[in-house]
């Protein structure tokens, strides 16, 4: 069952525990124990959140993969541009 939670987070990104429970059709109590196991092993990072959607307060636990980092973009990175008029020799 932990593999299905990891797969769901891999495809959908960060999600609330209630959303994961509905999508995977897992009872909330069972999901919380499995997420706690995944968090203890370091596969998932969880934090308690409070969201207000349409004025309604929603409290839950937000879960995401711990190693889910985007790949760096290819090509040149923005930064300081080299001044073509600068003297490359060190002053004596």
C-alpha atoms as a PDB file:
ATOM      1  CA  UNK A   1       0.000   0.000   0.000  1.00  0.00           C
ATOM      2  CA  UNK A   2       2.935   2.353   0.685  1.00  0.00           C
ATOM      3  CA  UNK A   3       3.992   1.937  -2.940  1.00  0.00           C
ATOM      4  CA  UNK A   4       0.623   3.239  -4.132  1.00  0.00           C
ATOM      5  CA  UNK A   5       0.970   6.335  -1.922  1.00  0.00           C
ATOM      6  CA  UNK A   6       4.454   6.996  -3.287  1.00  0.00           C
ATOM      7  CA  UNK A   7       3.232   6.503  -6.853  1.00  0.00           C
ATOM      8  CA  UNK A   8       0.321   8.898  -6.276  1.00  0.00           C
ATOM      9  CA  UNK A   9       2.632  11.577  -4.850  1.00  0.00           C
ATOM     10  CA  UNK A  10       5.084  11.050  -7.701  1.00  0.00           C
ATOM     11  CA  UNK A  11       2.378  11.713 -10.296  1.00  0.00           C
ATOM     12  CA  UNK A  12       0.392  14.436  -8.489  1.00  0.00           C
ATOM     13  CA  UNK A  13       2.982  16.236  -6.378  1.00  0.00           C
ATOM     14  CA  UNK A  14       2.258  17.663  -2.945  1.00  0.00           C
ATOM     15  CA  UNK A  15      -1.211  16.711  -1.637  1.00  0.00           C
ATOM     16  CA  UNK A  16      -3.295  16.881   1.514  1.00  0.00           C
ATOM     17  CA  UNK A  17      -3.904  13.643   3.380  1.00  0.00           C
ATOM     18  CA  UNK A  18      -7.659  13.952   2.768  1.00  0.00           C
ATOM     19  CA  UNK A  19      -7.086  14.155  -0.993  1.00  0.00           C
ATOM     20  CA  UNK A  20      -4.804  11.119  -0.940  1.00  0.00           C
ATOM     21  CA  UNK A  21      -7.358   9.186   1.100  1.00  0.00           C
ATOM     22  CA  UNK A  22     -10.151   9.956  -1.368  1.00  0.00           C
ATOM     23  CA  UNK A  23      -8.075   9.263  -4.473  1.00  0.00           C
ATOM     24  CA  UNK A  24      -6.692   5.927  -3.277  1.00  0.00           C
ATOM     25  CA  UNK A  25      -9.860   4.894  -1.394  1.00  0.00           C
ATOM     26  CA  UNK A  26      -7.949   4.294   1.845  1.00  0.00           C
ATOM     27  CA  UNK A  27      -9.520   4.988   5.270  1.00  0.00           C
ATOM     28  CA  UNK A  28      -7.998   8.063   6.900  1.00  0.00           C
ATOM     29  CA  UNK A  29      -6.730   6.211   9.995  1.00  0.00           C
ATOM     30  CA  UNK A  30      -4.949   3.624   7.865  1.00  0.00           C
ATOM     31  CA  UNK A  31      -3.493   6.347   5.626  1.00  0.00           C
ATOM     32  CA  UNK A  32      -2.116   8.261   8.621  1.00  0.00           C
ATOM     33  CA  UNK A  33      -0.245   5.206   9.922  1.00  0.00           C
ATOM     34  CA  UNK A  34       1.205   4.467   6.473  1.00  0.00           C
ATOM     35  CA  UNK A  35       2.240   8.090   5.943  1.00  0.00           C
ATOM     36  CA  UNK A  36       3.874   8.062   9.398  1.00  0.00           C
ATOM     37  CA  UNK A  37       5.883   4.977   8.377  1.00  0.00           C
ATOM     38  CA  UNK A  38       6.931   6.634   5.113  1.00  0.00           C
ATOM     39  CA  UNK A  39       7.886   9.789   6.990  1.00  0.00           C
ATOM     40  CA  UNK A  40       9.961   7.827   9.513  1.00  0.00           C
ATOM     41  CA  UNK A  41      11.834   6.081   6.698  1.00  0.00           C
ATOM     42  CA  UNK A  42      12.523   9.434   5.015  1.00  0.00           C
ATOM     43  CA  UNK A  43      10.578   8.800   1.813  1.00  0.00           C
ATOM     44  CA  UNK A  44       7.924  11.449   2.508  1.00  0.00           C
ATOM     45  CA  UNK A  45       7.981  14.866   4.152  1.00  0.00           C
ATOM     46  CA  UNK A  46       4.821  15.907   6.002  1.00  0.00           C
ATOM     47  CA  UNK A  47       3.700  19.084   7.721  1.00  0.00           C
ATOM     48  CA  UNK A  48       0.470  20.233   9.308  1.00  0.00           C
ATOM     49  CA  UNK A  49      -1.315  22.926   7.307  1.00  0.00           C
ATOM     50  CA  UNK A  50      -4.422  25.077   7.584  1.00  0.00           C
ATOM     51  CA  UNK A  51      -6.034  26.213   4.359  1.00  0.00           C
ATOM     52  CA  UNK A  52      -9.014  28.446   3.787  1.00  0.00           C
ATOM     53  CA  UNK A  53     -10.981  27.470   0.689  1.00  0.00           C
ATOM     54  CA  UNK A  54     -14.082  29.591  -0.020  1.00  0.00           C
ATOM     55  CA  UNK A  55     -13.991  30.836   3.581  1.00  0.00           C
ATOM     56  CA  UNK A  56     -14.021  27.280   4.926  1.00  0.00           C
ATOM     57  CA  UNK A  57     -11.181  26.267   7.260  1.00  0.00           C
ATOM     58  CA  UNK A  58      -9.516  23.003   6.239  1.00  0.00           C
ATOM     59  CA  UNK A  59      -6.866  21.482   8.498  1.00  0.00           C
ATOM     60  CA  UNK A  60      -4.795  18.539   7.406  1.00  0.00           C
ATOM     61  CA  UNK A  61      -1.368  17.167   6.716  1.00  0.00           C
ATOM     62  CA  UNK A  62       0.442  18.085   3.536  1.00  0.00           C
ATOM     63  CA  UNK A  63       2.629  15.317   2.109  1.00  0.00           C
ATOM     64  CA  UNK A  64       5.294  15.355  -0.602  1.00  0.00           C
ATOM     65  CA  UNK A  65       8.158  13.180  -1.712  1.00  0.00           C
ATOM     66  CA  UNK A  66      11.380  14.019   0.074  1.00  0.00           C
ATOM     67  CA  UNK A  67      13.656  13.537  -2.915  1.00  0.00           C
ATOM     68  CA  UNK A  68      11.415  15.128  -5.542  1.00  0.00           C
ATOM     69  CA  UNK A  69      13.657  17.907  -6.842  1.00  0.00           C
ATOM     70  CA  UNK A  70      13.239  19.313 -10.333  1.00  0.00           C
ATOM     71  CA  UNK A  71      16.106  18.780 -12.738  1.00  0.00           C
ATOM     72  CA  UNK A  72      18.199  21.885 -13.343  1.00  0.00           C
ATOM     73  CA  UNK A  73      17.390  23.719 -16.546  1.00  0.00           C
ATOM     74  CA  UNK A  74      19.740  23.180 -19.459  1.00  0.00           C
ATOM     75  CA  UNK A  75      21.756  25.988 -20.959  1.00  0.00           C
ATOM     76  CA  UNK A  76      23.257  29.135 -19.556  1.00  0.00           C
ATOM     77  CA  UNK A  77      22.134  30.324 -16.157  1.00  0.00           C
ATOM     78  CA  UNK A  78      21.274  33.947 -15.445  1.00  0.00           C
ATOM     79  CA  UNK A  79      23.895  35.826 -13.544  1.00  0.00           C
ATOM     80  CA  UNK A  80      26.612  38.403 -13.792  1.00  0.00           C
ATOM     81  CA  UNK A  81      27.611  39.093 -17.367  1.00  0.00           C
ATOM     82  CA  UNK A  82      31.276  39.384 -18.199  1.00  0.00           C
ATOM     83  CA  UNK A  83      32.393  42.901 -19.081  1.00  0.00           C
ATOM     84  CA  UNK A  84      34.246  42.721 -22.428  1.00  0.00           C
ATOM     85  CA  UNK A  85      36.176  45.911 -21.575  1.00  0.00           C
ATOM     86  CA  UNK A  86      37.509  44.600 -18.265  1.00  0.00           C
ATOM     87  CA  UNK A  87      41.236  44.000 -18.045  1.00  0.00           C
ATOM     88  CA  UNK A  88      41.899  40.311 -17.408  1.00  0.00           C
ATOM     89  CA  UNK A  89      45.487  40.880 -16.231  1.00  0.00           C
ATOM     90  CA  UNK A  90      46.228  41.487 -12.589  1.00  0.00           C
ATOM     91  CA  UNK A  91      47.690  44.918 -11.740  1.00  0.00           C
ATOM     92  CA  UNK A  92      51.332  44.910 -10.722  1.00  0.00           C
END
